[in-house]
Every structure is written in C-alpha cells, then in structure tokens.
Amino acid sequence: MKKKITIEGMSCGHCVAHVEKALKAIEEVIEVQVNLAEKNAIVELNGDVADAKLTEIIEDAGYDVVAIENQ
C-alpha cells in the first residue's frame, strides 16, 4: 500500500531528512520518498497504518499534514 502525504512547513534538505527519519521509525514503513518541491511524501507500507498515526508522527516532527491520499 502507498500513501501520498501533503506536508506544509518543509523548507530545506534538513526538513526532508527529518520527515524521512520520523516516518521510517514506523515498523510498517518499507520506503519513504519526500519531495521538497512538491511538499509531499510517498510512503510505501507493509500493512495498514492509520492516517491519524501518520499525521501524529509528522506533526510531532514539527510539520503540518494537509492531506493523505491512498495510491
């Protein structure tokens, strides 16, 4: 399963690395691709992770989640 997460508040490469690290800490996450220019992350999951959990992880890292779409 893949999810596209639109994220506000990222402004540099450090922000991208911070979001990637936060998402990779979730056991079900296989791969994370964060795109600074498009302000999103594509997350590949092995199993189901609630959107609320993904939102909480990103917001705890200091960024805002605008939308989450299944892909």
PDB file of N, CA and C in Angstrom:
ATOM      1  N   MET A   1       0.845  -1.173   0.000  1.00  0.00           N
ATOM      2  CA  MET A   1       0.000   0.000   0.000  1.00  0.00           C
ATOM      3  C   MET A   1       0.891   1.237   0.000  1.00  0.00           C
ATOM      4  N   LYS A   2       0.505   2.236  -0.786  1.00  0.00           N
ATOM      5  CA  LYS A   2       1.221   3.510  -0.799  1.00  0.00           C
ATOM      6  C   LYS A   2       0.271   4.629  -0.412  1.00  0.00           C
ATOM      7  N   LYS A   3       0.830   5.622   0.278  1.00  0.00           N
ATOM      8  CA  LYS A   3       0.062   6.812   0.635  1.00  0.00           C
ATOM      9  C   LYS A   3       0.865   8.046   0.250  1.00  0.00           C
ATOM     10  N   LYS A   4       0.158   9.035  -0.275  1.00  0.00           N
ATOM     11  CA  LYS A   4       0.765  10.327  -0.594  1.00  0.00           C
ATOM     12  C   LYS A   4       0.322  11.307   0.484  1.00  0.00           C
ATOM     13  N   ILE A   5       1.304  11.882   1.170  1.00  0.00           N
ATOM     14  CA  ILE A   5       1.022  12.803   2.266  1.00  0.00           C
ATOM     15  C   ILE A   5       1.487  14.193   1.856  1.00  0.00           C
ATOM     16  N   THR A   6       0.579  15.147   1.819  1.00  0.00           N
ATOM     17  CA  THR A   6       0.930  16.534   1.533  1.00  0.00           C
ATOM     18  C   THR A   6       1.298  17.200   2.848  1.00  0.00           C
ATOM     19  N   ILE A   7       2.500  17.818   2.871  1.00  0.00           N
ATOM     20  CA  ILE A   7       3.071  18.334   4.113  1.00  0.00           C
ATOM     21  C   ILE A   7       3.416  19.811   3.961  1.00  0.00           C
ATOM     22  N   GLU A   8       3.028  20.613   4.933  1.00  0.00           N
ATOM     23  CA  GLU A   8       3.382  22.033   4.977  1.00  0.00           C
ATOM     24  C   GLU A   8       4.489  22.242   6.003  1.00  0.00           C
ATOM     25  N   GLY A   9       5.351  23.214   5.735  1.00  0.00           N
ATOM     26  CA  GLY A   9       6.355  23.604   6.716  1.00  0.00           C
ATOM     27  C   GLY A   9       7.766  23.143   6.402  1.00  0.00           C
ATOM     28  N   MET A  10       7.941  22.338   5.358  1.00  0.00           N
ATOM     29  CA  MET A  10       9.292  21.920   4.982  1.00  0.00           C
ATOM     30  C   MET A  10       9.924  23.009   4.125  1.00  0.00           C
ATOM     31  N   SER A  11      11.178  23.369   4.453  1.00  0.00           N
ATOM     32  CA  SER A  11      11.819  24.448   3.702  1.00  0.00           C
ATOM     33  C   SER A  11      13.239  24.132   3.242  1.00  0.00           C
ATOM     34  N   CYS A  12      13.785  22.971   3.632  1.00  0.00           N
ATOM     35  CA  CYS A  12      15.174  22.678   3.277  1.00  0.00           C
ATOM     36  C   CYS A  12      15.423  21.174   3.312  1.00  0.00           C
ATOM     37  N   GLY A  13      16.626  20.791   2.932  1.00  0.00           N
ATOM     38  CA  GLY A  13      17.008  19.388   2.937  1.00  0.00           C
ATOM     39  C   GLY A  13      16.970  18.771   4.323  1.00  0.00           C
ATOM     40  N   HIS A  14      17.271  19.570   5.335  1.00  0.00           N
ATOM     41  CA  HIS A  14      17.213  19.073   6.711  1.00  0.00           C
ATOM     42  C   HIS A  14      15.772  18.686   7.071  1.00  0.00           C
ATOM     43  N   CYS A  15      14.822  19.481   6.623  1.00  0.00           N
ATOM     44  CA  CYS A  15      13.406  19.176   6.872  1.00  0.00           C
ATOM     45  C   CYS A  15      13.031  17.842   6.225  1.00  0.00           C
ATOM     46  N   VAL A  16      13.484  17.637   4.998  1.00  0.00           N
ATOM     47  CA  VAL A  16      13.209  16.391   4.279  1.00  0.00           C
ATOM     48  C   VAL A  16      13.763  15.205   5.065  1.00  0.00           C
ATOM     49  N   ALA A  17      15.005  15.315   5.514  1.00  0.00           N
ATOM     50  CA  ALA A  17      15.637  14.237   6.279  1.00  0.00           C
ATOM     51  C   ALA A  17      14.899  13.978   7.592  1.00  0.00           C
ATOM     52  N   HIS A  18      14.426  15.043   8.222  1.00  0.00           N
ATOM     53  CA  HIS A  18      13.707  14.922   9.486  1.00  0.00           C
ATOM     54  C   HIS A  18      12.385  14.166   9.288  1.00  0.00           C
ATOM     55  N   VAL A  19      11.651  14.498   8.237  1.00  0.00           N
ATOM     56  CA  VAL A  19      10.384  13.818   7.936  1.00  0.00           C
ATOM     57  C   VAL A  19      10.649  12.355   7.580  1.00  0.00           C
ATOM     58  N   GLU A  20      11.674  12.110   6.748  1.00  0.00           N
ATOM     59  CA  GLU A  20      12.004  10.735   6.371  1.00  0.00           C
ATOM     60  C   GLU A  20      12.329   9.895   7.601  1.00  0.00           C
ATOM     61  N   LYS A  21      13.154  10.426   8.481  1.00  0.00           N
ATOM     62  CA  LYS A  21      13.554   9.693   9.685  1.00  0.00           C
ATOM     63  C   LYS A  21      12.343   9.386  10.567  1.00  0.00           C
ATOM     64  N   ALA A  22      11.457  10.366  10.723  1.00  0.00           N
ATOM     65  CA  ALA A  22      10.269  10.173  11.558  1.00  0.00           C
ATOM     66  C   ALA A  22       9.375   9.073  10.990  1.00  0.00           C
ATOM     67  N   LEU A  23       9.161   9.088   9.675  1.00  0.00           N
ATOM     68  CA  LEU A  23       8.287   8.090   9.059  1.00  0.00           C
ATOM     69  C   LEU A  23       8.927   6.705   9.041  1.00  0.00           C
ATOM     70  N   LYS A  24      10.239   6.639   8.826  1.00  0.00           N
ATOM     71  CA  LYS A  24      10.923   5.343   8.790  1.00  0.00           C
ATOM     72  C   LYS A  24      10.939   4.661  10.155  1.00  0.00           C
ATOM     73  N   ALA A  25      10.662   5.402  11.206  1.00  0.00           N
ATOM     74  CA  ALA A  25      10.606   4.820  12.550  1.00  0.00           C
ATOM     75  C   ALA A  25       9.353   3.962  12.750  1.00  0.00           C
ATOM     76  N   ILE A  26       8.376   4.094  11.848  1.00  0.00           N
ATOM     77  CA  ILE A  26       7.154   3.285  11.918  1.00  0.00           C
ATOM     78  C   ILE A  26       7.470   1.898  11.365  1.00  0.00           C
ATOM     79  N   GLU A  27       7.153   0.878  12.135  1.00  0.00           N
ATOM     80  CA  GLU A  27       7.509  -0.504  11.785  1.00  0.00           C
ATOM     81  C   GLU A  27       7.009  -0.927  10.403  1.00  0.00           C
ATOM     82  N   GLU A  28       5.810  -0.515  10.029  1.00  0.00           N
ATOM     83  CA  GLU A  28       5.201  -0.956   8.764  1.00  0.00           C
ATOM     84  C   GLU A  28       5.736  -0.223   7.535  1.00  0.00           C
ATOM     85  N   VAL A  29       6.548   0.805   7.719  1.00  0.00           N
ATOM     86  CA  VAL A  29       7.047   1.590   6.588  1.00  0.00           C
ATOM     87  C   VAL A  29       8.185   0.844   5.895  1.00  0.00           C
ATOM     88  N   ILE A  30       8.036   0.647   4.587  1.00  0.00           N
ATOM     89  CA  ILE A  30       9.056  -0.007   3.771  1.00  0.00           C
ATOM     90  C   ILE A  30       9.972   1.038   3.148  1.00  0.00           C
ATOM     91  N   GLU A  31       9.370   2.086   2.573  1.00  0.00           N
ATOM     92  CA  GLU A  31      10.145   3.111   1.869  1.00  0.00           C
ATOM     93  C   GLU A  31       9.450   4.460   2.002  1.00  0.00           C
ATOM     94  N   VAL A  32      10.272   5.513   2.051  1.00  0.00           N
ATOM     95  CA  VAL A  32       9.756   6.882   2.116  1.00  0.00           C
ATOM     96  C   VAL A  32      10.488   7.714   1.074  1.00  0.00           C
ATOM     97  N   GLN A  33       9.730   8.472   0.279  1.00  0.00           N
ATOM     98  CA  GLN A  33      10.309   9.419  -0.670  1.00  0.00           C
ATOM     99  C   GLN A  33       9.674  10.775  -0.395  1.00  0.00           C
ATOM    100  N   VAL A  34      10.481  11.716   0.108  1.00  0.00           N
ATOM    101  CA  VAL A  34       9.977  13.050   0.416  1.00  0.00           C
ATOM    102  C   VAL A  34      10.442  13.999  -0.683  1.00  0.00           C
ATOM    103  N   ASN A  35       9.503  14.777  -1.226  1.00  0.00           N
ATOM    104  CA  ASN A  35       9.804  15.728  -2.287  1.00  0.00           C
ATOM    105  C   ASN A  35       9.577  17.136  -1.752  1.00  0.00           C
ATOM    106  N   LEU A  36      10.659  17.881  -1.571  1.00  0.00           N
ATOM    107  CA  LEU A  36      10.570  19.235  -1.022  1.00  0.00           C
ATOM    108  C   LEU A  36       9.814  20.168  -1.958  1.00  0.00           C
ATOM    109  N   ALA A  37      10.097  20.101  -3.260  1.00  0.00           N
ATOM    110  CA  ALA A  37       9.463  21.000  -4.227  1.00  0.00           C
ATOM    111  C   ALA A  37       7.950  20.793  -4.288  1.00  0.00           C
ATOM    112  N   GLU A  38       7.519  19.540  -4.219  1.00  0.00           N
ATOM    113  CA  GLU A  38       6.085  19.236  -4.292  1.00  0.00           C
ATOM    114  C   GLU A  38       5.423  19.203  -2.921  1.00  0.00           C
ATOM    115  N   LYS A  39       6.225  19.357  -1.866  1.00  0.00           N
ATOM    116  CA  LYS A  39       5.729  19.374  -0.481  1.00  0.00           C
ATOM    117  C   LYS A  39       4.922  18.130  -0.143  1.00  0.00           C
ATOM    118  N   ASN A  40       5.493  16.953  -0.506  1.00  0.00           N
ATOM    119  CA  ASN A  40       4.784  15.727  -0.177  1.00  0.00           C
ATOM    120  C   ASN A  40       5.743  14.591   0.133  1.00  0.00           C
ATOM    121  N   ALA A  41       5.178  13.526   0.632  1.00  0.00           N
ATOM    122  CA  ALA A  41       5.916  12.294   0.884  1.00  0.00           C
ATOM    123  C   ALA A  41       5.099  11.139   0.334  1.00  0.00           C
ATOM    124  N   ILE A  42       5.776  10.229  -0.354  1.00  0.00           N
ATOM    125  CA  ILE A  42       5.159   8.985  -0.789  1.00  0.00           C
ATOM    126  C   ILE A  42       5.682   7.914   0.162  1.00  0.00           C
ATOM    127  N   VAL A  43       4.767   7.251   0.845  1.00  0.00           N
ATOM    128  CA  VAL A  43       5.139   6.262   1.850  1.00  0.00           C
ATOM    129  C   VAL A  43       4.614   4.901   1.410  1.00  0.00           C
ATOM    130  N   GLU A  44       5.530   3.935   1.284  1.00  0.00           N
ATOM    131  CA  GLU A  44       5.137   2.564   0.964  1.00  0.00           C
ATOM    132  C   GLU A  44       5.069   1.781   2.265  1.00  0.00           C
ATOM    133  N   LEU A  45       3.932   1.127   2.465  1.00  0.00           N
ATOM    134  CA  LEU A  45       3.667   0.436   3.729  1.00  0.00           C
ATOM    135  C   LEU A  45       3.478  -1.058   3.529  1.00  0.00           C
ATOM    136  N   ASN A  46       3.944  -1.828   4.495  1.00  0.00           N
ATOM    137  CA  ASN A  46       3.691  -3.263   4.550  1.00  0.00           C
ATOM    138  C   ASN A  46       2.599  -3.460   5.596  1.00  0.00           C
ATOM    139  N   GLY A  47       1.365  -3.376   5.163  1.00  0.00           N
ATOM    140  CA  GLY A  47       0.248  -3.425   6.097  1.00  0.00           C
ATOM    141  C   GLY A  47      -0.451  -2.081   6.141  1.00  0.00           C
ATOM    142  N   ASP A  48      -1.338  -1.942   7.091  1.00  0.00           N
ATOM    143  CA  ASP A  48      -2.133  -0.720   7.183  1.00  0.00           C
ATOM    144  C   ASP A  48      -1.691   0.109   8.380  1.00  0.00           C
ATOM    145  N   VAL A  49      -1.513   1.391   8.135  1.00  0.00           N
ATOM    146  CA  VAL A  49      -1.212   2.347   9.197  1.00  0.00           C
ATOM    147  C   VAL A  49      -2.281   3.429   9.111  1.00  0.00           C
ATOM    148  N   ALA A  50      -2.917   3.725  10.218  1.00  0.00           N
ATOM    149  CA  ALA A  50      -3.984   4.729  10.234  1.00  0.00           C
ATOM    150  C   ALA A  50      -3.438   6.093   9.838  1.00  0.00           C
ATOM    151  N   ASP A  51      -4.245   6.835   9.079  1.00  0.00           N
ATOM    152  CA  ASP A  51      -3.858   8.191   8.695  1.00  0.00           C
ATOM    153  C   ASP A  51      -3.574   9.042   9.925  1.00  0.00           C
ATOM    154  N   ALA A  52      -4.325   8.816  10.992  1.00  0.00           N
ATOM    155  CA  ALA A  52      -4.126   9.586  12.225  1.00  0.00           C
ATOM    156  C   ALA A  52      -2.730   9.356  12.801  1.00  0.00           C
ATOM    157  N   LYS A  53      -2.226   8.126  12.687  1.00  0.00           N
ATOM    158  CA  LYS A  53      -0.878   7.827  13.193  1.00  0.00           C
ATOM    159  C   LYS A  53       0.178   8.528  12.347  1.00  0.00           C
ATOM    160  N   LEU A  54       0.020   8.491  11.021  1.00  0.00           N
ATOM    161  CA  LEU A  54       0.959   9.178  10.136  1.00  0.00           C
ATOM    162  C   LEU A  54       0.955  10.677  10.416  1.00  0.00           C
ATOM    163  N   THR A  55      -0.234  11.234  10.582  1.00  0.00           N
ATOM    164  CA  THR A  55      -0.364  12.659  10.891  1.00  0.00           C
ATOM    165  C   THR A  55       0.329  12.988  12.205  1.00  0.00           C
ATOM    166  N   GLU A  56       0.106  12.181  13.217  1.00  0.00           N
ATOM    167  CA  GLU A  56       0.710  12.424  14.532  1.00  0.00           C
ATOM    168  C   GLU A  56       2.237  12.408  14.459  1.00  0.00           C
ATOM    169  N   ILE A  57       2.794  11.446  13.744  1.00  0.00           N
ATOM    170  CA  ILE A  57       4.250  11.329  13.617  1.00  0.00           C
ATOM    171  C   ILE A  57       4.828  12.572  12.942  1.00  0.00           C
ATOM    172  N   ILE A  58       4.197  13.012  11.859  1.00  0.00           N
ATOM    173  CA  ILE A  58       4.696  14.175  11.123  1.00  0.00           C
ATOM    174  C   ILE A  58       4.519  15.449  11.941  1.00  0.00           C
ATOM    175  N   GLU A  59       3.380  15.600  12.593  1.00  0.00           N
ATOM    176  CA  GLU A  59       3.151  16.795  13.410  1.00  0.00           C
ATOM    177  C   GLU A  59       4.079  16.829  14.621  1.00  0.00           C
ATOM    178  N   ASP A  60       4.379  15.664  15.201  1.00  0.00           N
ATOM    179  CA  ASP A  60       5.339  15.611  16.305  1.00  0.00           C
ATOM    180  C   ASP A  60       6.736  16.023  15.842  1.00  0.00           C
ATOM    181  N   ALA A  61       7.026  15.823  14.552  1.00  0.00           N
ATOM    182  CA  ALA A  61       8.314  16.229  13.988  1.00  0.00           C
ATOM    183  C   ALA A  61       8.344  17.729  13.681  1.00  0.00           C
ATOM    184  N   GLY A  62       7.179  18.393  13.774  1.00  0.00           N
ATOM    185  CA  GLY A  62       7.134  19.842  13.602  1.00  0.00           C
ATOM    186  C   GLY A  62       6.548  20.343  12.299  1.00  0.00           C
ATOM    187  N   TYR A  63       5.844  19.473  11.575  1.00  0.00           N
ATOM    188  CA  TYR A  63       5.289  19.857  10.276  1.00  0.00           C
ATOM    189  C   TYR A  63       3.780  19.624  10.271  1.00  0.00           C
ATOM    190  N   ASP A  64       3.092  20.222   9.313  1.00  0.00           N
ATOM    191  CA  ASP A  64       1.638  20.111   9.229  1.00  0.00           C
ATOM    192  C   ASP A  64       1.232  19.206   8.069  1.00  0.00           C
ATOM    193  N   VAL A  65       0.291  18.316   8.327  1.00  0.00           N
ATOM    194  CA  VAL A  65      -0.250  17.446   7.286  1.00  0.00           C
ATOM    195  C   VAL A  65      -1.492  18.116   6.713  1.00  0.00           C
ATOM    196  N   VAL A  66      -1.486  18.314   5.392  1.00  0.00           N
ATOM    197  CA  VAL A  66      -2.610  18.944   4.706  1.00  0.00           C
ATOM    198  C   VAL A  66      -3.590  17.887   4.211  1.00  0.00           C
ATOM    199  N   ALA A  67      -3.055  16.782   3.678  1.00  0.00           N
ATOM    200  CA  ALA A  67      -3.912  15.730   3.125  1.00  0.00           C
ATOM    201  C   ALA A  67      -3.144  14.419   3.063  1.00  0.00           C
ATOM    202  N   ILE A  68      -3.897  13.315   3.115  1.00  0.00           N
ATOM    203  CA  ILE A  68      -3.334  11.978   2.915  1.00  0.00           C
ATOM    204  C   ILE A  68      -4.229  11.262   1.914  1.00  0.00           C
ATOM    205  N   GLU A  69      -3.609  10.752   0.835  1.00  0.00           N
ATOM    206  CA  GLU A  69      -4.349  10.047  -0.210  1.00  0.00           C
ATOM    207  C   GLU A  69      -3.780   8.645  -0.372  1.00  0.00           C
ATOM    208  N   ASN A  70      -4.661   7.658  -0.530  1.00  0.00           N
ATOM    209  CA  ASN A  70      -4.210   6.308  -0.877  1.00  0.00           C
ATOM    210  C   ASN A  70      -3.818   6.297  -2.340  1.00  0.00           C
ATOM    211  N   GLN A  71      -2.779   5.556  -2.659  1.00  0.00           N
ATOM    212  CA  GLN A  71      -2.322   5.486  -4.050  1.00  0.00           C
ATOM    213  C   GLN A  71      -2.428   4.084  -4.573  1.00  0.00           C
TER     214      GLN A  71
END
